[in-house]
Amino acid sequence: MKTKIFKIQGKFLMGEKLKHFTKELKATKEEDIYEKIYSEFGSKHHISREQVQIEKIEEISLEESQDSMIKAISER
C-alpha cells in the first residue's frame, strides 16, 4: 500500500491551557493518523487521549508539505 501525507490540526491540554498544534505525518489511511497522534502526544507530553482534540485531518501532496523530514523520507 502506498503511504500518503496528512496534515493534522488540533489542540492539546498543556497544564491548564489548550495549545494549538499542526503536524504532518505519513500513513496508508486516515484512520491510522488518530493512533499515531495519540501515541506521540502521550509519549512526549504524558497526556491521555482525552486531552488531545483533533480538529482537522487533510491529505496533502509532497509539494504542499512543510516538514523537511517528511520530504526527505518521501523522496527516497
C-alpha atoms as a PDB file:
ATOM      1  CA  MET A   1       0.000   0.000   0.000  1.00  0.00           C
ATOM      2  CA  LYS A   2       1.181   3.471  -0.799  1.00  0.00           C
ATOM      3  CA  THR A   3       1.639   5.926   2.043  1.00  0.00           C
ATOM      4  CA  LYS A   4       0.051   9.351   1.959  1.00  0.00           C
ATOM      5  CA  ILE A   5       0.951  12.595   3.697  1.00  0.00           C
ATOM      6  CA  PHE A   6      -1.600  14.056   6.092  1.00  0.00           C
ATOM      7  CA  LYS A   7      -1.729  17.468   7.757  1.00  0.00           C
ATOM      8  CA  ILE A   8      -3.314  17.356  11.206  1.00  0.00           C
ATOM      9  CA  GLN A   9      -4.554  20.360  13.171  1.00  0.00           C
ATOM     10  CA  GLY A  10      -5.906  20.384  16.679  1.00  0.00           C
ATOM     11  CA  LYS A  11      -5.390  21.275  20.318  1.00  0.00           C
ATOM     12  CA  PHE A  12      -3.954  19.544  23.362  1.00  0.00           C
ATOM     13  CA  LEU A  13      -4.066  20.298  27.063  1.00  0.00           C
ATOM     14  CA  MET A  14      -0.743  21.580  28.399  1.00  0.00           C
ATOM     15  CA  GLY A  15      -1.204  22.214  32.099  1.00  0.00           C
ATOM     16  CA  GLU A  16      -4.438  24.156  32.259  1.00  0.00           C
ATOM     17  CA  LYS A  17      -4.241  25.720  28.779  1.00  0.00           C
ATOM     18  CA  LEU A  18      -5.145  24.389  25.358  1.00  0.00           C
ATOM     19  CA  LYS A  19      -2.260  24.656  22.894  1.00  0.00           C
ATOM     20  CA  HIS A  20      -2.776  24.534  19.117  1.00  0.00           C
ATOM     21  CA  PHE A  21      -0.736  22.144  17.018  1.00  0.00           C
ATOM     22  CA  THR A  22      -0.180  21.377  13.362  1.00  0.00           C
ATOM     23  CA  LYS A  23       1.643  18.212  12.381  1.00  0.00           C
ATOM     24  CA  GLU A  24       2.388  16.340   9.198  1.00  0.00           C
ATOM     25  CA  LEU A  25       2.530  12.551   9.259  1.00  0.00           C
ATOM     26  CA  LYS A  26       2.684   9.716   6.755  1.00  0.00           C
ATOM     27  CA  ALA A  27       0.189   6.859   6.863  1.00  0.00           C
ATOM     28  CA  THR A  28      -1.561   4.485   4.499  1.00  0.00           C
ATOM     29  CA  LYS A  29      -5.025   5.642   5.568  1.00  0.00           C
ATOM     30  CA  GLU A  30      -6.583   8.463   7.594  1.00  0.00           C
ATOM     31  CA  GLU A  31      -7.721   6.151  10.404  1.00  0.00           C
ATOM     32  CA  ASP A  32      -4.069   5.364  11.251  1.00  0.00           C
ATOM     33  CA  ILE A  33      -3.396   9.046  11.935  1.00  0.00           C
ATOM     34  CA  TYR A  34      -5.512   9.053  15.100  1.00  0.00           C
ATOM     35  CA  GLU A  35      -3.436   6.310  16.716  1.00  0.00           C
ATOM     36  CA  LYS A  36      -0.173   7.976  15.679  1.00  0.00           C
ATOM     37  CA  ILE A  37      -1.189  11.363  17.108  1.00  0.00           C
ATOM     38  CA  TYR A  38      -2.476   9.937  20.402  1.00  0.00           C
ATOM     39  CA  SER A  39       0.631   7.808  20.773  1.00  0.00           C
ATOM     40  CA  GLU A  40       3.012  10.672  20.024  1.00  0.00           C
ATOM     41  CA  PHE A  41       1.367  13.137  22.410  1.00  0.00           C
ATOM     42  CA  GLY A  42       1.098  10.503  25.128  1.00  0.00           C
ATOM     43  CA  SER A  43       4.773   9.675  24.764  1.00  0.00           C
ATOM     44  CA  LYS A  44       6.138  13.215  24.502  1.00  0.00           C
ATOM     45  CA  HIS A  45       3.755  15.108  26.790  1.00  0.00           C
ATOM     46  CA  HIS A  46       2.455  12.325  29.068  1.00  0.00           C
ATOM     47  CA  ILE A  47      -1.176  13.190  28.383  1.00  0.00           C
ATOM     48  CA  SER A  48      -4.162  10.936  27.765  1.00  0.00           C
ATOM     49  CA  ARG A  49      -6.150  10.644  24.549  1.00  0.00           C
ATOM     50  CA  GLU A  50      -8.964  12.692  26.080  1.00  0.00           C
ATOM     51  CA  GLN A  51      -6.584  15.669  26.351  1.00  0.00           C
ATOM     52  CA  VAL A  52      -5.935  15.720  22.587  1.00  0.00           C
ATOM     53  CA  GLN A  53      -8.535  17.250  20.268  1.00  0.00           C
ATOM     54  CA  ILE A  54      -8.025  16.539  16.581  1.00  0.00           C
ATOM     55  CA  GLU A  55      -9.926  19.198  14.636  1.00  0.00           C
ATOM     56  CA  LYS A  56      -8.910  18.608  11.036  1.00  0.00           C
ATOM     57  CA  ILE A  57      -7.092  15.971   9.000  1.00  0.00           C
ATOM     58  CA  GLU A  58      -6.420  16.544   5.331  1.00  0.00           C
ATOM     59  CA  GLU A  59      -4.361  14.710   2.762  1.00  0.00           C
ATOM     60  CA  ILE A  60      -1.677  16.909   1.204  1.00  0.00           C
ATOM     61  CA  SER A  61       0.828  16.476  -1.604  1.00  0.00           C
ATOM     62  CA  LEU A  62       4.580  16.275  -1.147  1.00  0.00           C
ATOM     63  CA  GLU A  63       4.853  19.767  -2.644  1.00  0.00           C
ATOM     64  CA  GLU A  64       2.469  21.171  -0.009  1.00  0.00           C
ATOM     65  CA  SER A  65       4.408  19.626   2.865  1.00  0.00           C
ATOM     66  CA  GLN A  66       6.382  21.994   5.099  1.00  0.00           C
ATOM     67  CA  ASP A  67       8.076  19.226   7.118  1.00  0.00           C
ATOM     68  CA  SER A  68      11.656  18.646   5.959  1.00  0.00           C
ATOM     69  CA  MET A  69      11.728  15.142   7.477  1.00  0.00           C
ATOM     70  CA  ILE A  70       8.605  14.102   5.558  1.00  0.00           C
ATOM     71  CA  LYS A  71      10.129  15.459   2.354  1.00  0.00           C
ATOM     72  CA  ALA A  72      13.426  13.648   2.925  1.00  0.00           C
ATOM     73  CA  ILE A  73      11.703  10.330   3.627  1.00  0.00           C
ATOM     74  CA  SER A  74       9.321  10.675   0.676  1.00  0.00           C
ATOM     75  CA  GLU A  75      11.983  11.492  -1.887  1.00  0.00           C
ATOM     76  CA  ARG A  76      13.771   8.166  -1.458  1.00  0.00           C
END
